[in-house]
Protein backbone atom coordinates (compact mmCIF):
# COMPACT_ATOMS: atom_id res chain seq x y z
CA MET A 1 -46.31 11.88 36.72
CA GLU A 2 -43.29 10.85 38.65
CA LEU A 3 -45.11 11.21 41.93
CA ILE A 4 -47.82 9.18 40.74
CA THR A 5 -46.00 6.29 39.08
CA GLY A 6 -42.63 6.36 40.73
CA LEU A 7 -40.89 6.28 37.28
CA THR A 8 -38.38 9.02 36.40
CA TRP A 9 -39.35 11.77 33.89
CA PHE A 10 -37.36 10.23 31.21
CA TRP A 11 -40.07 7.69 30.44
CA PHE A 12 -42.88 10.16 29.70
CA PRO A 13 -42.17 12.47 26.83
CA ILE A 14 -42.58 10.00 24.04
CA PRO A 15 -45.85 8.19 25.36
CA VAL A 16 -47.21 11.69 26.13
CA ALA A 17 -46.23 12.97 22.67
CA ILE A 18 -47.93 9.84 21.10
CA ILE A 19 -51.20 10.40 23.11
CA LEU A 20 -51.27 14.16 22.18
CA TRP A 21 -50.74 13.26 18.40
CA TYR A 22 -53.52 10.62 18.61
CA LEU A 23 -55.82 13.27 20.27
CA THR A 24 -55.21 16.04 17.81
CA VAL A 25 -55.45 13.75 14.72
CA TYR A 26 -58.22 11.36 15.53
CA ARG A 27 -60.36 13.18 18.01
CA SER A 28 -62.64 16.17 17.57
CA PHE A 29 -61.87 19.70 19.11
CA ASP A 30 -64.89 19.24 21.40
CA TRP A 31 -63.41 16.07 22.82
CA ILE A 32 -60.02 17.87 23.52
CA LYS A 33 -61.87 20.79 24.92
CA LYS A 34 -63.51 18.61 27.45
CA ILE A 35 -60.27 17.19 28.61
CA PHE A 36 -58.69 20.59 29.05
CA ILE A 37 -61.72 21.79 31.10
CA VAL A 38 -61.46 18.81 33.52
CA MET A 39 -57.58 19.34 33.63
CA SER A 40 -58.14 23.06 34.53
CA LEU A 41 -59.77 22.06 37.75
CA ALA A 42 -55.93 21.33 38.98
CA PHE A 43 -55.51 25.15 39.11
CA VAL A 44 -57.64 25.17 42.11
CA THR A 45 -54.72 23.38 43.84
CA TYR A 46 -52.71 26.60 43.53
CA LEU A 47 -55.02 28.54 45.67
CA ILE A 48 -55.17 25.83 48.29
CA THR A 49 -51.40 25.56 48.28
CA ALA A 50 -51.07 29.33 48.69
CA ILE A 51 -53.28 29.35 51.66
CA PHE A 52 -51.52 26.51 53.34
CA SER A 53 -47.95 27.39 52.37
CA GLY A 54 -47.17 29.71 55.25
CA ALA A 55 -45.71 32.12 52.93
CA HIS A 56 -44.15 35.42 54.18
CA TRP A 57 -46.65 37.62 52.32
CA GLN A 58 -44.77 40.85 52.58
CA ALA A 59 -41.98 39.37 50.72
CA VAL A 60 -44.28 37.80 48.22
CA LEU A 61 -45.84 41.19 47.59
CA ILE A 62 -42.57 43.01 47.30
CA ASN A 63 -41.08 40.51 44.86
CA THR A 64 -44.16 40.50 42.79
CA PHE A 65 -43.50 44.01 41.82
CA VAL A 66 -39.61 44.15 42.13
CA PRO A 67 -38.36 41.43 39.70
CA GLN A 68 -35.01 39.57 40.28
CA ILE A 69 -33.27 38.88 37.06
CA SER A 70 -30.75 35.96 37.06
CA LEU A 71 -28.86 34.49 34.12
CA GLY A 72 -28.17 31.15 35.79
CA PHE A 73 -29.88 27.95 35.07
CA ALA A 74 -32.77 28.53 37.46
CA GLY A 75 -33.42 32.07 35.94
CA ILE A 76 -33.38 30.86 32.33
CA SER A 77 -35.44 27.75 33.08
CA SER A 78 -38.08 30.00 34.84
CA ALA A 79 -38.08 32.46 31.82
CA VAL A 80 -38.72 29.35 29.55
CA ALA A 81 -41.48 28.05 31.84
CA LEU A 82 -43.07 31.62 31.88
CA LEU A 83 -43.05 31.71 27.98
CA GLY A 84 -44.48 28.21 27.80
CA ALA A 85 -47.28 29.12 30.24
CA THR A 86 -48.03 32.14 28.22
CA ILE A 87 -48.12 30.43 24.88
CA SER A 88 -50.25 27.49 25.95
CA PRO A 89 -53.42 29.54 26.69
CA TYR A 90 -52.79 31.62 23.63
CA ASN A 91 -52.85 28.47 21.43
CA MET A 92 -56.26 27.52 22.99
CA PHE A 93 -57.63 30.99 22.28
CA TRP A 94 -56.38 30.61 18.66
CA GLN A 95 -57.97 27.22 18.20
CA VAL A 96 -61.20 28.50 19.37
CA GLN A 97 -61.00 31.46 16.99
CA GLY A 98 -60.17 29.07 14.13
CA GLU A 99 -63.42 27.09 14.96
CA LYS A 100 -65.41 30.36 14.96
CA GLU A 101 -63.95 31.17 11.52
CA GLU A 102 -64.91 27.77 10.14
CA ALA A 103 -68.47 28.21 11.48
CA ARG A 104 -68.84 31.75 9.62
CA ALA A 105 -71.93 31.72 7.47
CA GLY A 106 -71.72 32.32 3.85
CA THR A 107 -69.70 31.22 0.69
CA THR A 108 -65.93 31.16 0.85
CA LYS A 109 -65.61 34.42 -0.87
CA GLN A 110 -68.11 36.06 1.65
CA LYS A 111 -65.95 34.32 4.58
CA VAL A 112 -62.79 35.84 3.10
CA ARG A 113 -64.34 39.25 2.78
CA GLY A 114 -65.64 39.14 6.31
CA ALA A 115 -62.25 38.13 7.51
CA ALA A 116 -60.52 40.79 5.57
CA LEU A 117 -62.88 43.37 6.97
CA ASP A 118 -62.12 42.23 10.62
CA ILE A 119 -58.46 42.44 9.98
CA ALA A 120 -58.80 45.96 8.37
CA LYS A 121 -60.86 47.23 11.49
CA GLY A 122 -58.29 45.83 13.81
CA SER A 123 -55.46 47.22 11.92
CA GLY A 124 -57.04 50.60 11.69
CA THR A 125 -57.72 50.65 15.51
CA ILE A 126 -54.01 49.69 16.22
CA LEU A 127 -52.84 52.50 13.90
CA THR A 128 -55.08 55.09 15.20
CA THR A 129 -54.09 54.25 18.81
CA CYS A 130 -50.40 54.45 17.88
CA HIS A 131 -50.80 57.71 16.00
CA GLU A 132 -52.71 59.27 18.94
CA HIS A 133 -50.20 58.17 21.41
CA TRP A 134 -47.31 59.22 19.38
CA HIS A 135 -48.67 62.85 19.10
CA SER A 136 -49.74 63.11 22.66
CA VAL A 137 -46.18 62.46 23.98
CA PRO A 138 -43.64 65.29 23.78
CA HIS A 139 -40.59 64.44 21.62
CA ASP A 140 -37.18 66.00 21.56
CA GLY A 141 -37.06 66.55 17.90
CA THR A 142 -36.12 63.20 16.73
């Protein structure tokens, strides 16, 4: 926003928060979904930037698989940014799943039973996988 308007970042958090509040309270999920789809086109710029950046690709490849850990401001800021970038798509997925749950056919009792069955199946799969993995790995008696 600073590049577009020339204003410092200090002026944007409150207006952006108000806009987001308005969208979540007074608009439908379909409307918000359309905004996010249009905004996702900005990710194409990452590919274009990668091509024209003139990066040293051998260093990029090595540093992709050999992480550098820094406890300085830049390292911690990067970790927070990575966490935020991970949580944001998960929130969209969570919202879509909530919409699907609301659209589930049947009475409330049938919906709850169906959700409980889904949870039981997922939990059973996780427990079975953990059990099989535990018994397939040699242990030293502990």
